[in-house]
């Protein structure tokens, strides 16, 4: 998938996150995630997990977390429309960027794709919270890149489908799961 097929959803402050136990052969020593379940406590906007204003995200990073990096979260238009519908409609304030369907800038570099689940308050969980990466590697042969992200949208979609078809005892948290791209800047 080309970056010109993605639209900007929001901006998140991130730092490399130490690999959880049991993921040694699939995850690098540190990885990137937008989930605050796994990552260090970093500034977030008031009531949800992504900023809808890049300048606000950068201001918070510079003043409160200069060791962090601001990344762009992007989605396909189809995924975004479905996600907004499932999460209360496009009028939600945290969908300001998705509503405009602004393309990911051509200068952005997609680092990879993460599978995330969103609570109704737009609080993100990562598929790494459930430790699925090793199983996905074993069963689907999907490897993670140096950032602990999946390289392609097609692979990420395949892993998401597999993850959501797990038996009840292995199901992820009962929230809306989706594929997001993580990009710089």
N, C-alpha and C. Protein backbone atom coordinates (compact mmCIF):
# COMPACT_ATOMS: atom_id res chain seq x y z
N UNK A 1 0.85 -1.17 0.00
CA UNK A 1 0.00 0.00 0.00
C UNK A 1 0.89 1.23 0.00
N UNK A 2 0.57 2.16 -0.87
CA UNK A 2 1.31 3.42 -0.94
C UNK A 2 0.80 4.36 0.13
N UNK A 3 1.69 5.24 0.58
CA UNK A 3 1.27 6.20 1.61
C UNK A 3 0.20 7.13 1.08
N UNK A 4 0.10 7.32 -0.25
CA UNK A 4 -0.94 8.20 -0.78
C UNK A 4 -2.33 7.57 -0.72
N UNK A 5 -2.43 6.33 -0.29
CA UNK A 5 -3.71 5.67 -0.10
C UNK A 5 -4.18 5.75 1.35
N UNK A 6 -3.41 6.41 2.19
CA UNK A 6 -3.72 6.52 3.61
C UNK A 6 -4.14 7.93 3.96
N UNK A 7 -5.03 8.05 4.95
CA UNK A 7 -5.44 9.36 5.45
C UNK A 7 -4.99 9.51 6.89
N UNK A 8 -4.74 10.74 7.28
CA UNK A 8 -4.25 11.03 8.63
C UNK A 8 -5.40 10.90 9.63
N UNK A 9 -5.13 10.16 10.71
CA UNK A 9 -6.11 9.98 11.78
C UNK A 9 -5.77 10.84 13.00
N UNK A 10 -4.48 10.91 13.33
CA UNK A 10 -4.07 11.65 14.50
C UNK A 10 -2.57 11.57 14.69
N UNK A 11 -2.13 12.10 15.82
CA UNK A 11 -0.70 12.14 16.16
C UNK A 11 -0.54 11.63 17.59
N UNK A 12 0.48 10.80 17.79
CA UNK A 12 0.73 10.20 19.10
C UNK A 12 2.20 10.37 19.44
N UNK A 13 2.47 10.64 20.71
CA UNK A 13 3.85 10.67 21.19
C UNK A 13 4.24 9.25 21.54
N UNK A 14 5.43 8.84 21.08
CA UNK A 14 5.90 7.48 21.34
C UNK A 14 7.36 7.50 21.77
N UNK A 15 7.75 6.46 22.47
CA UNK A 15 9.15 6.15 22.77
C UNK A 15 9.32 4.66 22.52
N UNK A 16 10.54 4.22 22.21
CA UNK A 16 10.74 2.78 22.08
C UNK A 16 10.33 2.07 23.38
N UNK A 17 9.54 1.03 23.24
CA UNK A 17 8.97 0.30 24.37
C UNK A 17 9.71 -1.02 24.54
N UNK A 18 10.13 -1.37 25.77
CA UNK A 18 10.81 -2.65 25.97
C UNK A 18 9.89 -3.83 25.62
N UNK A 19 10.47 -4.82 25.01
CA UNK A 19 9.75 -6.03 24.59
C UNK A 19 9.19 -6.77 25.80
N UNK A 20 7.90 -7.18 25.73
CA UNK A 20 7.33 -7.99 26.82
C UNK A 20 7.97 -9.38 26.86
N UNK A 21 7.97 -9.98 28.02
CA UNK A 21 8.52 -11.34 28.17
C UNK A 21 7.78 -12.31 27.26
N UNK A 22 8.48 -13.29 26.76
CA UNK A 22 7.89 -14.32 25.92
C UNK A 22 7.83 -13.96 24.45
N UNK A 23 8.29 -12.78 24.08
CA UNK A 23 8.24 -12.35 22.68
C UNK A 23 9.65 -12.21 22.08
N UNK A 24 10.63 -12.85 22.71
CA UNK A 24 12.02 -12.67 22.33
C UNK A 24 12.33 -12.99 20.87
N UNK A 25 11.73 -14.01 20.31
CA UNK A 25 12.14 -14.38 18.96
C UNK A 25 11.34 -13.68 17.86
N UNK A 26 10.38 -12.84 18.21
CA UNK A 26 9.64 -12.12 17.18
C UNK A 26 9.73 -10.61 17.29
N UNK A 27 9.81 -10.08 18.50
CA UNK A 27 9.87 -8.63 18.69
C UNK A 27 11.31 -8.19 18.93
N UNK A 28 11.69 -7.04 18.36
CA UNK A 28 13.02 -6.51 18.70
C UNK A 28 13.08 -6.12 20.17
N UNK A 29 14.26 -5.81 20.66
CA UNK A 29 14.44 -5.44 22.07
C UNK A 29 13.55 -4.30 22.50
N UNK A 30 13.33 -3.33 21.61
CA UNK A 30 12.36 -2.27 21.83
C UNK A 30 11.52 -2.16 20.56
N UNK A 31 10.29 -1.69 20.72
CA UNK A 31 9.39 -1.57 19.56
C UNK A 31 8.53 -0.34 19.72
N UNK A 32 7.86 0.05 18.65
CA UNK A 32 6.96 1.20 18.69
C UNK A 32 5.52 0.72 18.78
N UNK A 33 4.75 1.42 19.60
CA UNK A 33 3.32 1.14 19.73
C UNK A 33 2.62 2.45 20.07
N UNK A 34 1.34 2.54 19.70
CA UNK A 34 0.57 3.71 20.12
C UNK A 34 -0.27 3.39 21.35
N UNK A 35 -0.13 2.18 21.87
CA UNK A 35 -0.90 1.76 23.04
C UNK A 35 -0.23 2.21 24.33
N UNK A 36 -0.97 2.97 25.13
CA UNK A 36 -0.42 3.38 26.42
C UNK A 36 -0.48 2.26 27.44
N UNK A 37 -1.04 1.10 27.06
CA UNK A 37 -1.00 -0.07 27.95
C UNK A 37 0.42 -0.59 28.09
N UNK A 38 1.20 -0.48 27.02
CA UNK A 38 2.55 -1.03 27.00
C UNK A 38 3.64 0.03 27.09
N UNK A 39 3.35 1.20 26.59
CA UNK A 39 4.34 2.25 26.47
C UNK A 39 4.43 3.09 27.74
N UNK A 40 5.53 3.78 27.87
CA UNK A 40 5.72 4.72 28.98
C UNK A 40 4.57 5.72 29.01
N UNK A 41 4.34 6.26 30.18
CA UNK A 41 3.29 7.26 30.35
C UNK A 41 3.74 8.57 29.70
N UNK A 42 3.12 8.90 28.57
CA UNK A 42 3.45 10.11 27.83
C UNK A 42 2.21 10.99 27.75
N UNK A 43 2.41 12.28 27.49
CA UNK A 43 1.25 13.16 27.37
C UNK A 43 0.29 12.68 26.28
N UNK A 44 -0.98 12.81 26.59
CA UNK A 44 -2.08 12.52 25.66
C UNK A 44 -3.03 13.70 25.75
N UNK A 45 -3.84 13.90 24.71
CA UNK A 45 -4.83 14.97 24.85
C UNK A 45 -5.82 14.60 25.95
N UNK A 46 -6.60 15.57 26.38
CA UNK A 46 -7.50 15.41 27.52
C UNK A 46 -8.23 14.10 27.70
N UNK A 47 -8.92 13.62 26.69
CA UNK A 47 -9.81 12.49 26.92
C UNK A 47 -9.64 11.32 25.95
N UNK A 48 -8.69 11.37 25.06
CA UNK A 48 -8.48 10.26 24.12
C UNK A 48 -7.00 10.13 23.81
N UNK A 49 -6.65 9.14 22.99
CA UNK A 49 -5.24 8.77 22.84
C UNK A 49 -4.49 9.40 21.66
N UNK A 50 -5.14 10.16 20.79
CA UNK A 50 -4.37 10.82 19.75
C UNK A 50 -4.73 12.29 19.68
N UNK A 51 -3.74 13.07 19.26
CA UNK A 51 -3.96 14.49 19.04
C UNK A 51 -4.52 14.66 17.63
N UNK A 52 -5.38 15.64 17.44
CA UNK A 52 -5.89 15.93 16.11
C UNK A 52 -5.20 17.17 15.53
N UNK A 53 -4.29 17.75 16.30
CA UNK A 53 -3.53 18.91 15.86
C UNK A 53 -2.05 18.62 16.03
N UNK A 54 -1.31 18.61 14.93
CA UNK A 54 0.11 18.29 14.97
C UNK A 54 0.88 19.29 15.82
N UNK A 55 0.54 20.56 15.74
CA UNK A 55 1.24 21.58 16.53
C UNK A 55 1.04 21.35 18.02
N UNK A 56 -0.17 20.97 18.41
CA UNK A 56 -0.42 20.68 19.83
C UNK A 56 0.41 19.48 20.29
N UNK A 57 0.47 18.45 19.46
CA UNK A 57 1.27 17.26 19.80
C UNK A 57 2.74 17.64 19.95
N UNK A 58 3.25 18.43 19.03
CA UNK A 58 4.65 18.85 19.09
C UNK A 58 4.92 19.74 20.30
N UNK A 59 3.99 20.62 20.61
CA UNK A 59 4.15 21.48 21.79
C UNK A 59 4.23 20.62 23.06
N UNK A 60 3.34 19.65 23.19
CA UNK A 60 3.35 18.76 24.36
C UNK A 60 4.64 17.95 24.41
N UNK A 61 5.09 17.49 23.26
CA UNK A 61 6.34 16.71 23.21
C UNK A 61 7.50 17.58 23.68
N UNK A 62 7.63 18.76 23.11
CA UNK A 62 8.76 19.62 23.45
C UNK A 62 8.74 20.08 24.90
N UNK A 63 7.55 20.37 25.43
CA UNK A 63 7.48 20.90 26.80
C UNK A 63 7.42 19.82 27.87
N UNK A 64 6.87 18.66 27.57
CA UNK A 64 6.66 17.65 28.62
C UNK A 64 7.35 16.32 28.38
N UNK A 65 7.76 16.05 27.13
CA UNK A 65 8.38 14.75 26.83
C UNK A 65 9.37 14.89 25.67
N UNK A 66 10.43 15.68 25.87
CA UNK A 66 11.37 15.91 24.76
C UNK A 66 12.09 14.64 24.29
N UNK A 67 12.07 13.60 25.09
CA UNK A 67 12.69 12.34 24.72
C UNK A 67 11.80 11.51 23.78
N UNK A 68 10.55 11.93 23.59
CA UNK A 68 9.59 11.21 22.76
C UNK A 68 9.67 11.69 21.32
N UNK A 69 8.95 10.99 20.49
CA UNK A 69 8.83 11.32 19.07
C UNK A 69 7.34 11.43 18.75
N UNK A 70 6.99 12.37 17.89
CA UNK A 70 5.61 12.48 17.43
C UNK A 70 5.48 11.68 16.14
N UNK A 71 4.57 10.71 16.14
CA UNK A 71 4.32 9.93 14.92
C UNK A 71 2.90 10.21 14.44
N UNK A 72 2.71 9.99 13.17
CA UNK A 72 1.40 10.14 12.56
C UNK A 72 0.72 8.78 12.51
N UNK A 73 -0.54 8.74 12.89
CA UNK A 73 -1.35 7.53 12.78
C UNK A 73 -2.23 7.73 11.55
N UNK A 74 -2.22 6.76 10.65
CA UNK A 74 -2.99 6.87 9.41
C UNK A 74 -3.78 5.59 9.17
N UNK A 75 -4.81 5.72 8.35
CA UNK A 75 -5.70 4.58 8.04
C UNK A 75 -6.11 4.66 6.58
N UNK A 76 -6.64 3.55 6.06
CA UNK A 76 -7.27 3.60 4.75
C UNK A 76 -8.61 4.31 4.91
N UNK A 77 -9.12 4.87 3.84
CA UNK A 77 -10.41 5.55 3.90
C UNK A 77 -11.50 4.58 4.32
N UNK A 78 -11.50 3.38 3.73
CA UNK A 78 -12.52 2.39 4.07
C UNK A 78 -12.48 2.01 5.54
N UNK A 79 -11.27 1.76 6.05
CA UNK A 79 -11.13 1.42 7.47
C UNK A 79 -11.58 2.59 8.35
N UNK A 80 -11.23 3.79 7.95
CA UNK A 80 -11.60 4.98 8.74
C UNK A 80 -13.11 5.15 8.79
N UNK A 81 -13.78 5.01 7.66
CA UNK A 81 -15.23 5.16 7.64
C UNK A 81 -15.91 4.12 8.52
N UNK A 82 -15.44 2.89 8.43
CA UNK A 82 -15.99 1.81 9.26
C UNK A 82 -15.72 2.09 10.74
N UNK A 83 -14.51 2.50 11.06
CA UNK A 83 -14.13 2.78 12.44
C UNK A 83 -14.98 3.91 13.03
N UNK A 84 -15.14 4.99 12.28
CA UNK A 84 -15.94 6.11 12.78
C UNK A 84 -17.38 5.67 13.04
N UNK A 85 -17.93 4.87 12.14
CA UNK A 85 -19.30 4.39 12.32
C UNK A 85 -19.42 3.53 13.58
N UNK A 86 -18.43 2.67 13.83
CA UNK A 86 -18.45 1.79 14.99
C UNK A 86 -18.20 2.54 16.30
N UNK A 87 -17.55 3.69 16.22
CA UNK A 87 -17.15 4.44 17.42
C UNK A 87 -18.00 5.68 17.66
N UNK A 88 -19.25 5.67 17.26
CA UNK A 88 -20.14 6.76 17.60
C UNK A 88 -20.37 7.80 16.54
N UNK A 89 -19.80 7.63 15.36
CA UNK A 89 -20.06 8.55 14.26
C UNK A 89 -18.96 9.56 14.04
N UNK A 90 -18.92 10.04 12.82
CA UNK A 90 -17.85 10.95 12.38
C UNK A 90 -17.85 12.28 13.13
N UNK A 91 -18.95 12.62 13.80
CA UNK A 91 -19.00 13.91 14.50
C UNK A 91 -18.21 13.92 15.80
N UNK A 92 -17.69 12.77 16.24
CA UNK A 92 -16.89 12.74 17.46
C UNK A 92 -15.69 13.67 17.31
N UNK A 93 -15.31 14.42 18.34
CA UNK A 93 -14.21 15.39 18.21
C UNK A 93 -12.86 14.75 17.89
N UNK A 94 -12.67 13.50 18.25
CA UNK A 94 -11.39 12.86 17.96
C UNK A 94 -11.31 12.36 16.52
N UNK A 95 -12.35 12.59 15.73
CA UNK A 95 -12.34 12.22 14.31
C UNK A 95 -12.20 13.44 13.40
N UNK A 96 -11.78 14.58 13.95
CA UNK A 96 -11.65 15.79 13.13
C UNK A 96 -10.80 15.56 11.89
N UNK A 97 -9.67 14.89 12.03
CA UNK A 97 -8.80 14.65 10.87
C UNK A 97 -9.38 13.58 9.94
N UNK A 98 -9.92 12.52 10.49
CA UNK A 98 -10.49 11.47 9.64
C UNK A 98 -11.65 12.01 8.81
N UNK A 99 -12.44 12.89 9.38
CA UNK A 99 -13.57 13.48 8.64
C UNK A 99 -13.11 14.21 7.39
N UNK A 100 -11.97 14.87 7.47
CA UNK A 100 -11.48 15.64 6.32
C UNK A 100 -10.83 14.76 5.26
N UNK A 101 -10.50 13.53 5.62
CA UNK A 101 -9.85 12.57 4.72
C UNK A 101 -8.59 13.16 4.09
N UNK A 102 -7.78 13.83 4.92
CA UNK A 102 -6.52 14.40 4.45
C UNK A 102 -5.51 13.29 4.20
N UNK A 103 -4.96 13.28 3.03
CA UNK A 103 -3.98 12.27 2.66
C UNK A 103 -2.72 12.39 3.51
N UNK A 104 -2.12 11.26 3.80
CA UNK A 104 -0.83 11.26 4.46
C UNK A 104 0.15 11.98 3.53
N UNK A 105 0.88 12.97 4.03
CA UNK A 105 1.80 13.71 3.15
C UNK A 105 2.81 12.79 2.46
N UNK A 106 3.13 13.12 1.24
CA UNK A 106 4.07 12.32 0.45
C UNK A 106 5.44 12.23 1.11
N UNK A 107 5.80 13.24 1.91
CA UNK A 107 7.11 13.23 2.57
C UNK A 107 7.14 12.29 3.78
N UNK A 108 5.99 11.81 4.20
CA UNK A 108 5.93 10.90 5.36
C UNK A 108 6.49 9.54 4.99
N UNK A 109 7.09 8.90 5.98
CA UNK A 109 7.62 7.55 5.81
C UNK A 109 6.80 6.61 6.68
N UNK A 110 6.13 5.65 6.06
CA UNK A 110 5.38 4.66 6.82
C UNK A 110 6.39 3.68 7.41
N UNK A 111 6.40 3.59 8.75
CA UNK A 111 7.31 2.69 9.45
C UNK A 111 6.77 1.27 9.49
N UNK A 112 5.45 1.12 9.40
CA UNK A 112 4.81 -0.18 9.44
C UNK A 112 3.39 -0.04 9.95
N UNK A 113 2.78 -1.20 10.21
CA UNK A 113 1.37 -1.25 10.60
C UNK A 113 1.24 -1.95 11.94
N UNK A 114 0.35 -1.40 12.77
CA UNK A 114 0.07 -1.99 14.08
C UNK A 114 -1.41 -2.35 14.14
N UNK A 115 -1.72 -3.43 14.84
CA UNK A 115 -3.10 -3.81 15.10
C UNK A 115 -3.45 -3.24 16.46
N UNK A 116 -4.49 -2.40 16.47
CA UNK A 116 -4.90 -1.78 17.72
C UNK A 116 -6.40 -1.94 17.91
N UNK A 117 -6.77 -2.01 19.17
CA UNK A 117 -8.18 -2.03 19.55
C UNK A 117 -8.48 -0.74 20.27
N UNK A 118 -9.66 -0.18 20.00
CA UNK A 118 -10.02 1.11 20.60
C UNK A 118 -11.23 0.97 21.50
N UNK A 119 -11.06 1.41 22.73
CA UNK A 119 -12.20 1.51 23.65
C UNK A 119 -13.12 2.61 23.12
N UNK A 120 -14.31 2.71 23.65
CA UNK A 120 -15.25 3.75 23.21
C UNK A 120 -14.73 5.15 23.47
N UNK A 121 -13.77 5.29 24.37
CA UNK A 121 -13.15 6.59 24.67
C UNK A 121 -11.88 6.82 23.86
N UNK A 122 -11.67 6.03 22.84
CA UNK A 122 -10.49 6.07 21.98
C UNK A 122 -9.20 5.87 22.78
N UNK A 123 -9.23 4.91 23.66
CA UNK A 123 -8.06 4.46 24.41
C UNK A 123 -7.58 3.19 23.70
N UNK A 124 -6.33 3.20 23.22
CA UNK A 124 -5.84 2.12 22.37
C UNK A 124 -5.17 0.98 23.13
N UNK A 125 -5.43 -0.24 22.65
CA UNK A 125 -4.74 -1.44 23.07
C UNK A 125 -3.98 -1.96 21.85
N UNK A 126 -2.86 -2.59 22.07
CA UNK A 126 -2.09 -3.17 20.97
C UNK A 126 -2.29 -4.68 20.95
N UNK A 127 -2.14 -5.25 19.79
CA UNK A 127 -2.17 -6.70 19.69
C UNK A 127 -1.02 -7.30 20.50
N UNK A 128 0.02 -6.51 20.77
CA UNK A 128 1.13 -6.99 21.60
C UNK A 128 0.71 -7.12 23.06
N UNK A 129 -0.37 -6.47 23.48
CA UNK A 129 -0.91 -6.64 24.83
C UNK A 129 -1.32 -8.11 25.04
N UNK A 130 -1.69 -8.76 23.96
CA UNK A 130 -2.16 -10.15 24.01
C UNK A 130 -1.10 -11.16 23.60
N UNK A 131 0.07 -10.69 23.18
CA UNK A 131 1.17 -11.58 22.82
C UNK A 131 0.93 -12.42 21.58
N UNK A 132 0.23 -11.88 20.59
CA UNK A 132 -0.09 -12.64 19.39
C UNK A 132 1.06 -12.72 18.37
N UNK A 133 2.07 -11.92 18.48
CA UNK A 133 3.10 -11.86 17.45
C UNK A 133 3.79 -13.20 17.21
N UNK A 134 4.11 -13.92 18.28
CA UNK A 134 4.79 -15.22 18.11
C UNK A 134 3.89 -16.22 17.39
N UNK A 135 2.62 -16.26 17.76
CA UNK A 135 1.68 -17.16 17.09
C UNK A 135 1.47 -16.76 15.63
N UNK A 136 1.39 -15.47 15.37
CA UNK A 136 1.21 -15.00 13.99
C UNK A 136 2.41 -15.38 13.14
N UNK A 137 3.61 -15.32 13.74
CA UNK A 137 4.80 -15.75 13.02
C UNK A 137 4.73 -17.25 12.74
N UNK A 138 4.42 -18.03 13.77
CA UNK A 138 4.38 -19.48 13.62
C UNK A 138 3.31 -19.94 12.63
N UNK A 139 2.12 -19.36 12.70
CA UNK A 139 1.00 -19.82 11.88
C UNK A 139 0.91 -19.13 10.52
N UNK A 140 1.27 -17.85 10.46
CA UNK A 140 1.10 -17.09 9.23
C UNK A 140 2.41 -16.69 8.57
N UNK A 141 3.52 -16.91 9.25
CA UNK A 141 4.86 -16.54 8.78
C UNK A 141 5.00 -15.03 8.58
N UNK A 142 4.27 -14.25 9.38
CA UNK A 142 4.37 -12.80 9.32
C UNK A 142 5.44 -12.34 10.30
N UNK A 143 6.47 -11.74 9.75
CA UNK A 143 7.56 -11.24 10.58
C UNK A 143 7.38 -9.76 10.85
N UNK A 144 7.94 -9.31 11.94
CA UNK A 144 7.89 -7.90 12.30
C UNK A 144 9.18 -7.21 11.88
N UNK A 145 9.07 -5.94 11.59
CA UNK A 145 10.26 -5.20 11.18
C UNK A 145 11.03 -4.69 12.41
N UNK A 146 12.03 -3.86 12.17
CA UNK A 146 12.88 -3.37 13.26
C UNK A 146 12.14 -2.51 14.28
N UNK A 147 10.94 -2.04 13.94
CA UNK A 147 10.13 -1.24 14.85
C UNK A 147 9.08 -2.08 15.57
N UNK A 148 9.06 -3.40 15.29
CA UNK A 148 8.06 -4.27 15.88
C UNK A 148 6.71 -4.12 15.20
N UNK A 149 6.72 -3.57 13.99
CA UNK A 149 5.50 -3.35 13.22
C UNK A 149 5.45 -4.32 12.04
N UNK A 150 4.28 -4.51 11.50
CA UNK A 150 4.09 -5.37 10.34
C UNK A 150 4.40 -4.52 9.10
N UNK A 151 5.13 -5.08 8.15
CA UNK A 151 5.59 -4.30 7.00
C UNK A 151 4.51 -3.84 6.05
N UNK A 152 3.50 -4.66 5.80
CA UNK A 152 2.52 -4.28 4.78
C UNK A 152 1.10 -4.29 5.34
N UNK A 153 0.26 -3.51 4.71
CA UNK A 153 -1.16 -3.47 5.08
C UNK A 153 -1.80 -4.84 4.84
N UNK A 154 -1.45 -5.48 3.73
CA UNK A 154 -2.03 -6.79 3.41
C UNK A 154 -1.70 -7.81 4.49
N UNK A 155 -0.46 -7.84 4.95
CA UNK A 155 -0.08 -8.76 6.03
C UNK A 155 -0.81 -8.41 7.32
N UNK A 156 -0.90 -7.13 7.62
CA UNK A 156 -1.57 -6.70 8.86
C UNK A 156 -3.04 -7.09 8.83
N UNK A 157 -3.68 -6.94 7.70
CA UNK A 157 -5.09 -7.33 7.57
C UNK A 157 -5.26 -8.83 7.74
N UNK A 158 -4.33 -9.58 7.18
CA UNK A 158 -4.36 -11.05 7.33
C UNK A 158 -4.21 -11.44 8.80
N UNK A 159 -3.30 -10.80 9.52
CA UNK A 159 -3.11 -11.10 10.94
C UNK A 159 -4.34 -10.68 11.74
N UNK A 160 -4.94 -9.54 11.42
CA UNK A 160 -6.13 -9.08 12.13
C UNK A 160 -7.28 -10.08 11.96
N UNK A 161 -7.49 -10.55 10.75
CA UNK A 161 -8.54 -11.55 10.49
C UNK A 161 -8.28 -12.81 11.30
N UNK A 162 -7.04 -13.27 11.31
CA UNK A 162 -6.65 -14.47 12.06
C UNK A 162 -6.88 -14.24 13.57
N UNK A 163 -6.48 -13.07 14.06
CA UNK A 163 -6.60 -12.76 15.48
C UNK A 163 -8.06 -12.74 15.92
N UNK A 164 -8.93 -12.16 15.11
CA UNK A 164 -10.33 -12.05 15.48
C UNK A 164 -11.08 -13.38 15.37
N UNK A 165 -10.46 -14.37 14.71
CA UNK A 165 -11.06 -15.70 14.60
C UNK A 165 -10.54 -16.69 15.64
N UNK A 166 -9.82 -16.19 16.62
CA UNK A 166 -9.29 -17.04 17.68
C UNK A 166 -10.45 -17.65 18.47
N UNK A 167 -10.23 -18.83 19.06
CA UNK A 167 -11.28 -19.40 19.92
C UNK A 167 -11.58 -18.45 21.08
N UNK A 168 -12.77 -18.57 21.66
CA UNK A 168 -13.18 -17.63 22.72
C UNK A 168 -12.14 -17.42 23.83
N UNK A 169 -11.46 -18.47 24.22
CA UNK A 169 -10.49 -18.34 25.31
C UNK A 169 -9.24 -17.55 24.90
N UNK A 170 -9.02 -17.36 23.60
CA UNK A 170 -7.86 -16.61 23.10
C UNK A 170 -8.24 -15.28 22.45
N UNK A 171 -9.49 -14.90 22.53
CA UNK A 171 -9.96 -13.67 21.89
C UNK A 171 -9.28 -12.44 22.48
N UNK A 172 -9.05 -11.43 21.64
CA UNK A 172 -8.51 -10.18 22.18
C UNK A 172 -9.61 -9.43 22.95
N UNK A 173 -9.24 -8.35 23.58
CA UNK A 173 -10.21 -7.52 24.32
C UNK A 173 -11.39 -7.21 23.41
N UNK A 174 -12.60 -7.20 23.95
CA UNK A 174 -13.80 -6.98 23.13
C UNK A 174 -14.01 -5.51 22.78
N UNK A 175 -13.13 -5.00 21.93
CA UNK A 175 -13.20 -3.62 21.47
C UNK A 175 -13.09 -3.64 19.95
N UNK A 176 -13.21 -2.50 19.32
CA UNK A 176 -13.09 -2.40 17.86
C UNK A 176 -11.62 -2.47 17.47
N UNK A 177 -11.22 -3.54 16.75
CA UNK A 177 -9.84 -3.74 16.32
C UNK A 177 -9.67 -3.28 14.89
N UNK A 178 -8.49 -2.73 14.59
CA UNK A 178 -8.24 -2.21 13.25
C UNK A 178 -6.74 -2.18 12.97
N UNK A 179 -6.44 -1.91 11.72
CA UNK A 179 -5.06 -1.75 11.26
C UNK A 179 -4.78 -0.26 11.14
N UNK A 180 -3.68 0.19 11.74
CA UNK A 180 -3.26 1.58 11.57
C UNK A 180 -1.82 1.59 11.08
N UNK A 181 -1.51 2.59 10.28
CA UNK A 181 -0.13 2.83 9.85
C UNK A 181 0.50 3.80 10.84
N UNK A 182 1.77 3.57 11.11
CA UNK A 182 2.55 4.48 11.95
C UNK A 182 3.58 5.11 11.02
N UNK A 183 3.61 6.45 10.97
CA UNK A 183 4.47 7.13 10.01
C UNK A 183 5.24 8.27 10.66
N UNK A 184 6.36 8.59 10.05
CA UNK A 184 7.12 9.79 10.40
C UNK A 184 7.00 10.73 9.22
N UNK A 185 7.01 12.01 9.33
CA UNK A 185 6.69 12.80 10.52
C UNK A 185 5.21 12.84 10.77
